[in-house]
Amino acid sequence: MKAEQVIARIRAGDELHMQFTDGRRVWWFEQPHQVIPDKLAMKLLASADGAIVEAGDSLFGLPLNSQTFLSSEDAASDA
């Protein structure tokens, strides 16, 4: 999967989810279910244009600990 495909799914309304399993991050879309490699998701988070951002449902308020991620465009329009 390419970064553009992840961003397109998020912009289309799919939510990218993350959870910690066995000490590592696991990323996925629900319907249709698709696992996203951690390396790709972290690249999108670190990108200069901020392609994806945390939705604000972070456990314990810790950064990069959210359960849901949005496109930066969607987050800006929700603010």
N, C-alpha and C. Protein backbone atom coordinates (compact mmCIF):
# COMPACT_ATOMS: atom_id res chain seq x y z
N MET A 1 0.85 -1.18 0.00
CA MET A 1 0.00 0.00 0.00
C MET A 1 0.89 1.24 0.00
N LYS A 2 0.43 2.23 -0.74
CA LYS A 2 1.18 3.48 -0.85
C LYS A 2 0.56 4.55 0.05
N ALA A 3 1.37 5.56 0.39
CA ALA A 3 0.91 6.64 1.25
C ALA A 3 -0.32 7.32 0.68
N GLU A 4 -0.35 7.52 -0.63
CA GLU A 4 -1.48 8.19 -1.27
C GLU A 4 -2.78 7.41 -1.07
N GLN A 5 -2.67 6.08 -1.05
CA GLN A 5 -3.86 5.24 -0.85
C GLN A 5 -4.38 5.37 0.58
N VAL A 6 -3.48 5.44 1.55
CA VAL A 6 -3.89 5.62 2.95
C VAL A 6 -4.60 6.96 3.10
N ILE A 7 -4.00 8.01 2.58
CA ILE A 7 -4.59 9.35 2.68
C ILE A 7 -5.94 9.39 1.97
N ALA A 8 -6.04 8.77 0.80
CA ALA A 8 -7.31 8.76 0.07
C ALA A 8 -8.41 8.07 0.88
N ARG A 9 -8.08 6.96 1.54
CA ARG A 9 -9.10 6.27 2.35
C ARG A 9 -9.55 7.13 3.51
N ILE A 10 -8.60 7.81 4.15
CA ILE A 10 -8.95 8.67 5.28
C ILE A 10 -9.82 9.82 4.81
N ARG A 11 -9.45 10.45 3.71
CA ARG A 11 -10.25 11.56 3.17
C ARG A 11 -11.63 11.12 2.73
N ALA A 12 -11.75 9.85 2.35
CA ALA A 12 -13.05 9.30 1.94
C ALA A 12 -13.93 8.96 3.14
N GLY A 13 -13.40 9.13 4.35
CA GLY A 13 -14.20 8.90 5.54
C GLY A 13 -13.81 7.68 6.36
N ASP A 14 -12.87 6.87 5.87
CA ASP A 14 -12.41 5.72 6.66
C ASP A 14 -11.52 6.20 7.79
N GLU A 15 -11.63 5.57 8.94
CA GLU A 15 -10.79 5.92 10.07
C GLU A 15 -9.62 4.95 10.16
N LEU A 16 -8.43 5.51 10.34
CA LEU A 16 -7.24 4.71 10.55
C LEU A 16 -7.09 4.49 12.05
N HIS A 17 -7.05 3.26 12.46
CA HIS A 17 -6.97 2.92 13.88
C HIS A 17 -5.58 2.40 14.23
N MET A 18 -5.20 2.56 15.49
CA MET A 18 -3.93 2.06 15.99
C MET A 18 -4.13 1.50 17.39
N GLN A 19 -3.47 0.39 17.65
CA GLN A 19 -3.43 -0.15 19.01
C GLN A 19 -2.06 -0.77 19.23
N PHE A 20 -1.70 -0.89 20.48
CA PHE A 20 -0.46 -1.57 20.82
C PHE A 20 -0.77 -3.04 21.07
N THR A 21 -0.03 -3.91 20.40
CA THR A 21 -0.19 -5.35 20.56
C THR A 21 1.20 -5.96 20.71
N ASP A 22 1.41 -6.66 21.80
CA ASP A 22 2.71 -7.27 22.07
C ASP A 22 3.85 -6.25 21.96
N GLY A 23 3.60 -5.03 22.44
CA GLY A 23 4.63 -4.00 22.49
C GLY A 23 4.91 -3.30 21.17
N ARG A 24 4.07 -3.52 20.17
CA ARG A 24 4.28 -2.82 18.90
C ARG A 24 2.97 -2.21 18.43
N ARG A 25 3.09 -1.19 17.58
CA ARG A 25 1.91 -0.53 17.02
C ARG A 25 1.34 -1.37 15.88
N VAL A 26 0.02 -1.50 15.87
CA VAL A 26 -0.68 -2.17 14.78
C VAL A 26 -1.70 -1.18 14.25
N TRP A 27 -1.65 -0.92 12.94
CA TRP A 27 -2.51 0.06 12.28
C TRP A 27 -3.45 -0.67 11.34
N TRP A 28 -4.71 -0.19 11.24
CA TRP A 28 -5.65 -0.83 10.31
C TRP A 28 -6.84 0.07 10.01
N PHE A 29 -7.45 -0.23 8.87
CA PHE A 29 -8.76 0.29 8.51
C PHE A 29 -9.75 -0.83 8.78
N GLU A 30 -11.01 -0.46 9.12
CA GLU A 30 -11.98 -1.49 9.46
C GLU A 30 -12.68 -2.11 8.26
N GLN A 31 -13.40 -1.32 7.47
CA GLN A 31 -14.24 -1.87 6.39
C GLN A 31 -13.87 -1.28 5.05
N PRO A 32 -13.30 -2.00 4.14
CA PRO A 32 -12.81 -3.36 4.33
C PRO A 32 -11.53 -3.35 5.17
N HIS A 33 -11.37 -4.40 5.94
CA HIS A 33 -10.23 -4.50 6.84
C HIS A 33 -8.94 -4.51 6.03
N GLN A 34 -8.01 -3.66 6.45
CA GLN A 34 -6.71 -3.60 5.79
C GLN A 34 -5.67 -3.15 6.80
N VAL A 35 -4.63 -3.94 6.96
CA VAL A 35 -3.54 -3.62 7.88
C VAL A 35 -2.57 -2.69 7.16
N ILE A 36 -2.12 -1.66 7.87
CA ILE A 36 -1.17 -0.70 7.33
C ILE A 36 0.17 -0.90 8.04
N PRO A 37 1.26 -1.02 7.32
CA PRO A 37 2.56 -1.20 7.97
C PRO A 37 2.89 -0.02 8.88
N ASP A 38 3.46 -0.32 10.04
CA ASP A 38 3.83 0.71 11.01
C ASP A 38 4.77 1.73 10.38
N LYS A 39 5.71 1.26 9.60
CA LYS A 39 6.68 2.17 8.97
C LYS A 39 5.98 3.21 8.09
N LEU A 40 4.96 2.80 7.35
CA LEU A 40 4.21 3.72 6.49
C LEU A 40 3.41 4.71 7.33
N ALA A 41 2.71 4.23 8.34
CA ALA A 41 1.90 5.12 9.18
C ALA A 41 2.79 6.15 9.89
N MET A 42 3.93 5.71 10.39
CA MET A 42 4.83 6.64 11.09
C MET A 42 5.43 7.65 10.10
N LYS A 43 5.68 7.22 8.87
CA LYS A 43 6.17 8.15 7.84
C LYS A 43 5.13 9.23 7.57
N LEU A 44 3.86 8.85 7.50
CA LEU A 44 2.79 9.82 7.28
C LEU A 44 2.67 10.79 8.45
N LEU A 45 2.82 10.29 9.66
CA LEU A 45 2.76 11.16 10.84
C LEU A 45 3.90 12.15 10.88
N ALA A 46 5.07 11.72 10.43
CA ALA A 46 6.27 12.56 10.49
C ALA A 46 6.44 13.46 9.27
N SER A 47 5.60 13.30 8.27
CA SER A 47 5.78 14.07 7.03
C SER A 47 5.66 15.56 7.30
N ALA A 48 6.39 16.32 6.52
CA ALA A 48 6.42 17.78 6.68
C ALA A 48 5.05 18.41 6.52
N ASP A 49 4.21 17.83 5.67
CA ASP A 49 2.88 18.40 5.46
C ASP A 49 1.85 17.88 6.45
N GLY A 50 2.27 17.01 7.38
CA GLY A 50 1.35 16.50 8.39
C GLY A 50 0.17 15.78 7.79
N ALA A 51 0.44 14.81 6.93
CA ALA A 51 -0.61 14.11 6.19
C ALA A 51 -1.71 13.55 7.08
N ILE A 52 -1.34 12.98 8.22
CA ILE A 52 -2.33 12.48 9.17
C ILE A 52 -2.01 13.01 10.56
N VAL A 53 -3.05 13.16 11.36
CA VAL A 53 -2.91 13.68 12.72
C VAL A 53 -3.77 12.86 13.67
N GLU A 54 -3.45 12.94 14.94
CA GLU A 54 -4.24 12.23 15.95
C GLU A 54 -5.62 12.84 16.07
N ALA A 55 -6.62 11.99 16.29
CA ALA A 55 -8.00 12.46 16.40
C ALA A 55 -8.31 13.04 17.78
N GLY A 56 -7.44 12.83 18.74
CA GLY A 56 -7.66 13.39 20.07
C GLY A 56 -8.19 12.39 21.07
N ASP A 57 -8.22 11.11 20.71
CA ASP A 57 -8.69 10.10 21.65
C ASP A 57 -7.50 9.34 22.25
N SER A 58 -6.47 10.09 22.58
CA SER A 58 -5.24 9.51 23.11
C SER A 58 -5.45 8.97 24.53
N LEU A 59 -5.02 7.76 24.73
CA LEU A 59 -5.07 7.18 26.07
C LEU A 59 -4.07 7.88 26.97
N PHE A 60 -4.50 8.33 28.11
CA PHE A 60 -3.67 8.99 29.10
C PHE A 60 -3.07 10.30 28.60
N GLY A 61 -3.55 10.83 27.48
CA GLY A 61 -3.05 12.08 26.95
C GLY A 61 -1.64 12.03 26.38
N LEU A 62 -1.15 10.84 26.12
CA LEU A 62 0.21 10.70 25.61
C LEU A 62 0.25 10.91 24.11
N PRO A 63 1.26 11.62 23.60
CA PRO A 63 1.37 11.80 22.16
C PRO A 63 1.62 10.46 21.45
N LEU A 64 1.08 10.35 20.25
CA LEU A 64 1.18 9.13 19.43
C LEU A 64 0.58 7.92 20.11
N ASN A 65 -0.42 8.16 20.95
CA ASN A 65 -1.09 7.08 21.66
C ASN A 65 -2.59 7.10 21.37
N SER A 66 -2.99 7.85 20.34
CA SER A 66 -4.40 7.89 19.97
C SER A 66 -4.82 6.56 19.37
N GLN A 67 -6.10 6.34 19.38
CA GLN A 67 -6.65 5.12 18.78
C GLN A 67 -7.15 5.38 17.37
N THR A 68 -7.31 6.66 17.00
CA THR A 68 -7.85 7.02 15.70
C THR A 68 -7.04 8.17 15.12
N PHE A 69 -6.82 8.12 13.80
CA PHE A 69 -6.06 9.16 13.11
C PHE A 69 -6.87 9.65 11.92
N LEU A 70 -6.76 10.96 11.64
CA LEU A 70 -7.52 11.62 10.56
C LEU A 70 -6.55 12.27 9.60
N SER A 71 -7.04 12.66 8.43
CA SER A 71 -6.22 13.48 7.55
C SER A 71 -6.11 14.85 8.20
N SER A 72 -5.02 15.53 7.97
CA SER A 72 -4.85 16.86 8.56
C SER A 72 -5.91 17.82 8.06
N GLU A 73 -6.40 17.63 6.83
CA GLU A 73 -7.46 18.48 6.28
C GLU A 73 -8.76 18.28 7.04
N ASP A 74 -9.11 17.02 7.35
CA ASP A 74 -10.32 16.73 8.10
C ASP A 74 -10.24 17.31 9.50
N ALA A 75 -9.09 17.20 10.14
CA ALA A 75 -8.92 17.71 11.49
C ALA A 75 -9.07 19.22 11.51
N ALA A 76 -8.54 19.91 10.51
CA ALA A 76 -8.64 21.37 10.44
C ALA A 76 -10.08 21.82 10.24
N SER A 77 -10.85 21.07 9.45
CA SER A 77 -12.24 21.46 9.20
C SER A 77 -13.14 21.16 10.40
N ASP A 78 -12.71 20.23 11.27
CA ASP A 78 -13.48 19.91 12.48
C ASP A 78 -13.22 20.90 13.60
N ALA A 79 -12.14 21.66 13.50
CA ALA A 79 -11.74 22.57 14.59
C ALA A 79 -12.63 23.79 14.64
